[in-house]
Amino acid sequence: MSFQENTARIEIWSDIACPWCYIGKRRFAQALDEFEHRDRLSVTGHSYQLAPDTPVGLRRPEVDALVEMKGIPAEQVRQMFAHVASVAAGDGLDIDFDTVIAANTFDAHRLLHLAGERRDAVLEALFRAHFVEGEIVDDRDTLVRIAASEGLDPEAVRAGLEADAGADAVRADLLEARALGVSGVPFFVANRAVAVSGAQPKEVFLALLQRALEDADTALEADRAAACDTDGCTI
């Protein structure tokens, strides 16, 4: 179904290193599953990096990285983690911050652009690897293994990562986020007109989807009103 035929466009900016993005993805998926007109929605994921300067391959515990980045005591960071983990558990996600390793997510985002129709499954696998399994998601061998587990050709993925494939697409997403004024993720945009920030409750996402479809209907009717057909032109 084309946009002219009444499709609402939903775009989502997120980062693999963002636990609220993991939670938000789960809640948004639940809203999609319940939405009666899912077939009239086009959902596109975009890349975002919360900490683009994180060194690749440092393999440092996330708690230590945040202590340095935020300048706050380790105990306060652990309390923050405990709160997020508790919220995540309520959504069926078993986040284990004791095993989370700080990572530069640029290559992981490149992988998502290489994943094609498997993007959503690969994103889910990356979140699980980072937040549940303690995987090193800026290690290319790890990324190839994750890709293969979701049905992608491991050799093709490795070749793409080695050749810098997808880098321009990631950079374009980052620039677009900046142009839109995105300063935090997850960030959900409907028809480039209405936005919702954060891991909102499922009901908020359902309202966003309904609003997106209503706006698409209104835009289509406006286009029809400004057109001519065999019976003449609307004035």
Protein backbone atom coordinates (compact mmCIF):
# COMPACT_ATOMS: atom_id res chain seq x y z
CA MET A 1 0.00 0.00 0.00
CA SER A 2 1.48 3.38 -0.99
CA PHE A 3 1.34 6.53 1.11
CA GLN A 4 -1.17 7.93 -1.42
CA GLU A 5 -3.44 5.01 -0.56
CA ASN A 6 -3.66 6.08 3.04
CA THR A 7 -0.65 4.64 4.83
CA ALA A 8 0.52 6.26 8.06
CA ARG A 9 4.28 6.51 8.47
CA ILE A 10 5.89 5.74 11.83
CA GLU A 11 9.62 6.33 12.33
CA ILE A 12 11.59 5.26 15.39
CA TRP A 13 15.02 6.46 16.47
CA SER A 14 16.75 4.24 19.03
CA ASP A 15 20.13 3.03 20.24
CA ILE A 16 21.16 -0.52 21.15
CA ALA A 17 22.88 0.82 24.27
CA CYS A 18 19.64 2.37 25.56
CA PRO A 19 17.63 0.21 27.99
CA TRP A 20 14.57 2.44 27.62
CA CYS A 21 14.72 1.77 23.88
CA TYR A 22 14.55 -1.97 24.62
CA ILE A 23 11.56 -1.42 26.89
CA GLY A 24 9.96 0.98 24.43
CA LYS A 25 10.38 -1.50 21.60
CA ARG A 26 8.52 -4.16 23.59
CA ARG A 27 5.66 -1.79 24.46
CA PHE A 28 5.40 -0.43 20.92
CA ALA A 29 5.31 -3.99 19.55
CA GLN A 30 2.42 -4.79 21.89
CA ALA A 31 0.57 -1.72 20.64
CA LEU A 32 1.17 -2.78 17.02
CA ASP A 33 -0.14 -6.27 17.76
CA GLU A 34 -3.36 -4.81 19.18
CA PHE A 35 -3.86 -2.11 16.57
CA GLU A 36 -6.74 -3.00 14.30
CA HIS A 37 -5.30 -1.30 11.21
CA ARG A 38 -1.70 -2.55 11.45
CA ASP A 39 -1.69 -3.20 7.70
CA ARG A 40 -2.05 0.54 7.07
CA LEU A 41 1.11 1.46 8.95
CA SER A 42 4.64 1.75 7.61
CA VAL A 43 7.21 1.42 10.42
CA THR A 44 10.85 2.42 9.84
CA GLY A 45 13.72 2.20 12.31
CA HIS A 46 16.53 4.76 12.45
CA SER A 47 19.93 4.84 14.12
CA TYR A 48 20.89 7.01 17.08
CA GLN A 49 23.99 7.01 19.29
CA LEU A 50 23.78 8.17 22.88
CA ALA A 51 27.54 7.86 23.42
CA PRO A 52 29.25 8.02 20.01
CA ASP A 53 32.66 8.65 21.60
CA THR A 54 32.70 5.33 23.47
CA PRO A 55 35.96 3.59 22.50
CA VAL A 56 35.53 0.44 20.44
CA GLY A 57 36.75 -2.74 22.09
CA LEU A 58 37.38 -1.29 25.55
CA ARG A 59 35.16 -3.96 27.17
CA ARG A 60 34.45 -1.87 30.22
CA PRO A 61 31.54 -2.56 32.59
CA GLU A 62 28.64 -0.20 31.94
CA VAL A 63 28.58 0.92 35.57
CA ASP A 64 32.18 2.15 35.34
CA ALA A 65 31.53 3.91 32.04
CA LEU A 66 28.53 5.78 33.45
CA VAL A 67 30.39 6.76 36.62
CA GLU A 68 33.00 8.45 34.46
CA MET A 69 30.54 9.89 31.93
CA LYS A 70 28.02 11.28 34.44
CA GLY A 71 30.40 12.03 37.29
CA ILE A 72 28.12 10.37 39.85
CA PRO A 73 28.88 7.71 42.50
CA ALA A 74 28.80 4.06 41.51
CA GLU A 75 26.13 3.31 44.10
CA GLN A 76 23.82 5.90 42.54
CA VAL A 77 24.39 4.33 39.12
CA ARG A 78 23.53 0.90 40.54
CA GLN A 79 20.32 2.31 42.03
CA MET A 80 19.41 3.72 38.62
CA PHE A 81 20.11 0.36 37.04
CA ALA A 82 17.98 -1.43 39.64
CA HIS A 83 15.05 0.86 38.85
CA VAL A 84 15.33 0.32 35.09
CA ALA A 85 15.71 -3.44 35.54
CA SER A 86 12.58 -3.50 37.71
CA VAL A 87 10.58 -1.62 35.07
CA ALA A 88 11.93 -3.91 32.35
CA ALA A 89 10.93 -7.01 34.34
CA GLY A 90 7.36 -5.74 34.34
CA ASP A 91 7.51 -5.88 30.55
CA GLY A 92 8.96 -9.38 30.47
CA LEU A 93 12.58 -8.30 29.90
CA ASP A 94 15.30 -9.78 32.10
CA ILE A 95 17.96 -7.04 31.95
CA ASP A 96 21.13 -7.90 33.87
CA PHE A 97 23.19 -4.72 34.30
CA ASP A 98 25.89 -6.63 36.19
CA THR A 99 26.94 -8.15 32.86
CA VAL A 100 26.38 -5.17 30.52
CA ILE A 101 29.54 -4.02 28.75
CA ALA A 102 29.78 -0.44 27.45
CA ALA A 103 30.08 -0.46 23.66
CA ASN A 104 30.28 1.82 20.67
CA THR A 105 27.11 0.99 18.74
CA PHE A 106 28.05 2.35 15.30
CA ASP A 107 28.82 -1.08 13.78
CA ALA A 108 25.70 -2.55 15.37
CA HIS A 109 23.66 0.14 13.65
CA ARG A 110 25.44 -0.65 10.39
CA LEU A 111 24.37 -4.26 10.85
CA LEU A 112 20.76 -3.16 11.23
CA HIS A 113 20.96 -1.35 7.89
CA LEU A 114 22.42 -4.50 6.33
CA ALA A 115 19.67 -6.69 7.80
CA GLY A 116 16.93 -5.64 5.36
CA GLU A 117 13.62 -7.30 6.18
CA ARG A 118 15.24 -8.99 9.19
CA ARG A 119 15.99 -5.64 10.82
CA ASP A 120 13.44 -5.93 13.63
CA ALA A 121 14.56 -9.45 14.57
CA VAL A 122 18.21 -8.42 14.51
CA LEU A 123 17.47 -5.36 16.65
CA GLU A 124 15.72 -7.58 19.19
CA ALA A 125 18.73 -9.93 19.17
CA LEU A 126 21.14 -7.04 19.67
CA PHE A 127 19.17 -5.71 22.63
CA ARG A 128 19.06 -9.19 24.16
CA ALA A 129 22.78 -9.73 23.55
CA HIS A 130 23.72 -6.40 25.13
CA PHE A 131 21.35 -6.24 28.09
CA VAL A 132 20.67 -9.87 28.94
CA GLU A 133 23.60 -11.96 27.75
CA GLY A 134 26.53 -9.60 28.37
CA GLU A 135 27.75 -9.79 24.77
CA ILE A 136 30.27 -7.33 23.32
CA VAL A 137 28.18 -5.60 20.65
CA ASP A 138 31.05 -3.60 19.18
CA ASP A 139 32.95 -6.81 18.38
CA ARG A 140 32.47 -7.76 14.73
CA ASP A 141 32.70 -11.50 15.37
CA THR A 142 29.85 -11.11 17.85
CA LEU A 143 27.82 -9.09 15.36
CA VAL A 144 28.32 -11.71 12.66
CA ARG A 145 27.21 -14.44 15.04
CA ILE A 146 24.11 -12.47 16.05
CA ALA A 147 23.28 -11.83 12.40
CA ALA A 148 23.65 -15.53 11.56
CA SER A 149 21.37 -16.48 14.46
CA GLU A 150 18.64 -14.38 12.82
CA GLY A 151 18.99 -15.96 9.40
CA LEU A 152 21.47 -13.63 7.70
CA ASP A 153 24.41 -14.92 5.65
CA PRO A 154 27.39 -14.62 8.03
CA GLU A 155 29.97 -14.26 5.27
CA ALA A 156 27.98 -11.54 3.54
CA VAL A 157 27.55 -9.70 6.84
CA ARG A 158 31.25 -9.98 7.66
CA ALA A 159 32.18 -8.69 4.21
CA GLY A 160 29.75 -5.79 4.58
CA LEU A 161 31.09 -4.82 7.99
CA GLU A 162 34.68 -5.01 6.80
CA ALA A 163 33.82 -2.87 3.76
CA ASP A 164 32.16 -0.13 5.85
CA ALA A 165 28.75 -0.93 4.31
CA GLY A 166 25.86 0.87 5.94
CA ALA A 167 28.02 3.62 7.42
CA ASP A 168 26.54 6.34 5.23
CA ALA A 169 23.02 5.20 6.15
CA VAL A 170 23.84 5.42 9.86
CA ARG A 171 25.34 8.88 9.45
CA ALA A 172 22.27 10.00 7.50
CA ASP A 173 20.02 8.81 10.34
CA LEU A 174 22.11 10.71 12.87
CA LEU A 175 21.99 13.89 10.80
CA GLU A 176 18.25 13.55 10.32
CA ALA A 177 17.76 13.12 14.05
CA ARG A 178 19.72 16.30 14.64
CA ALA A 179 17.63 18.16 12.07
CA LEU A 180 14.44 17.03 13.79
CA GLY A 181 15.75 18.09 17.19
CA VAL A 182 15.96 14.57 18.62
CA SER A 183 17.92 14.78 21.87
CA GLY A 184 16.97 11.47 23.48
CA VAL A 185 15.67 8.05 22.55
CA PRO A 186 13.49 6.16 21.99
CA PHE A 187 11.81 8.75 19.77
CA PHE A 188 8.69 7.95 17.76
CA VAL A 189 7.46 10.19 14.93
CA ALA A 190 4.14 9.85 13.08
CA ASN A 191 3.91 11.30 9.57
CA ARG A 192 6.68 13.78 10.47
CA ALA A 193 4.00 15.70 12.37
CA VAL A 194 3.45 14.17 15.82
CA ALA A 195 6.17 12.81 18.11
CA VAL A 196 6.33 10.76 21.30
CA SER A 197 9.53 10.47 23.33
CA GLY A 198 10.44 7.74 25.75
CA ALA A 199 9.27 4.23 26.63
CA GLN A 200 5.66 5.25 26.99
CA PRO A 201 2.87 2.89 28.12
CA LYS A 202 1.25 0.79 25.42
CA GLU A 203 -1.88 2.96 25.56
CA VAL A 204 0.12 6.04 24.56
CA PHE A 205 1.51 4.21 21.54
CA LEU A 206 -1.97 3.04 20.57
CA ALA A 207 -3.13 6.66 20.70
CA LEU A 208 -0.16 7.69 18.54
CA LEU A 209 -1.01 5.04 15.95
CA GLN A 210 -4.64 6.10 15.87
CA ARG A 211 -3.67 9.75 15.50
CA ALA A 212 -1.23 8.87 12.72
CA LEU A 213 -3.93 7.05 10.77
CA GLU A 214 -6.47 9.83 11.28
CA ASP A 215 -3.95 12.40 10.04
CA ALA A 216 -3.21 10.24 7.00
CA ASP A 217 -6.96 10.03 6.27
CA THR A 218 -7.30 13.80 6.61
CA ALA A 219 -4.35 14.42 4.29
CA LEU A 220 -5.77 12.05 1.69
CA GLU A 221 -9.15 13.75 1.77
CA ALA A 222 -7.46 17.13 1.37
CA ASP A 223 -5.57 15.83 -1.66
CA ARG A 224 -8.78 14.55 -3.20
CA ALA A 225 -10.54 17.85 -2.58
CA ALA A 226 -7.82 19.67 -4.50
CA ALA A 227 -8.02 17.38 -7.52
CA CYS A 228 -9.98 17.13 -10.75
CA ASP A 229 -11.76 14.04 -12.05
CA THR A 230 -14.07 13.16 -14.96
CA ASP A 231 -16.89 15.10 -13.31
CA GLY A 232 -14.85 18.29 -13.11
CA CYS A 233 -12.84 20.11 -10.44
CA THR A 234 -13.67 20.89 -6.84
CA ILE A 235 -13.63 24.63 -6.20
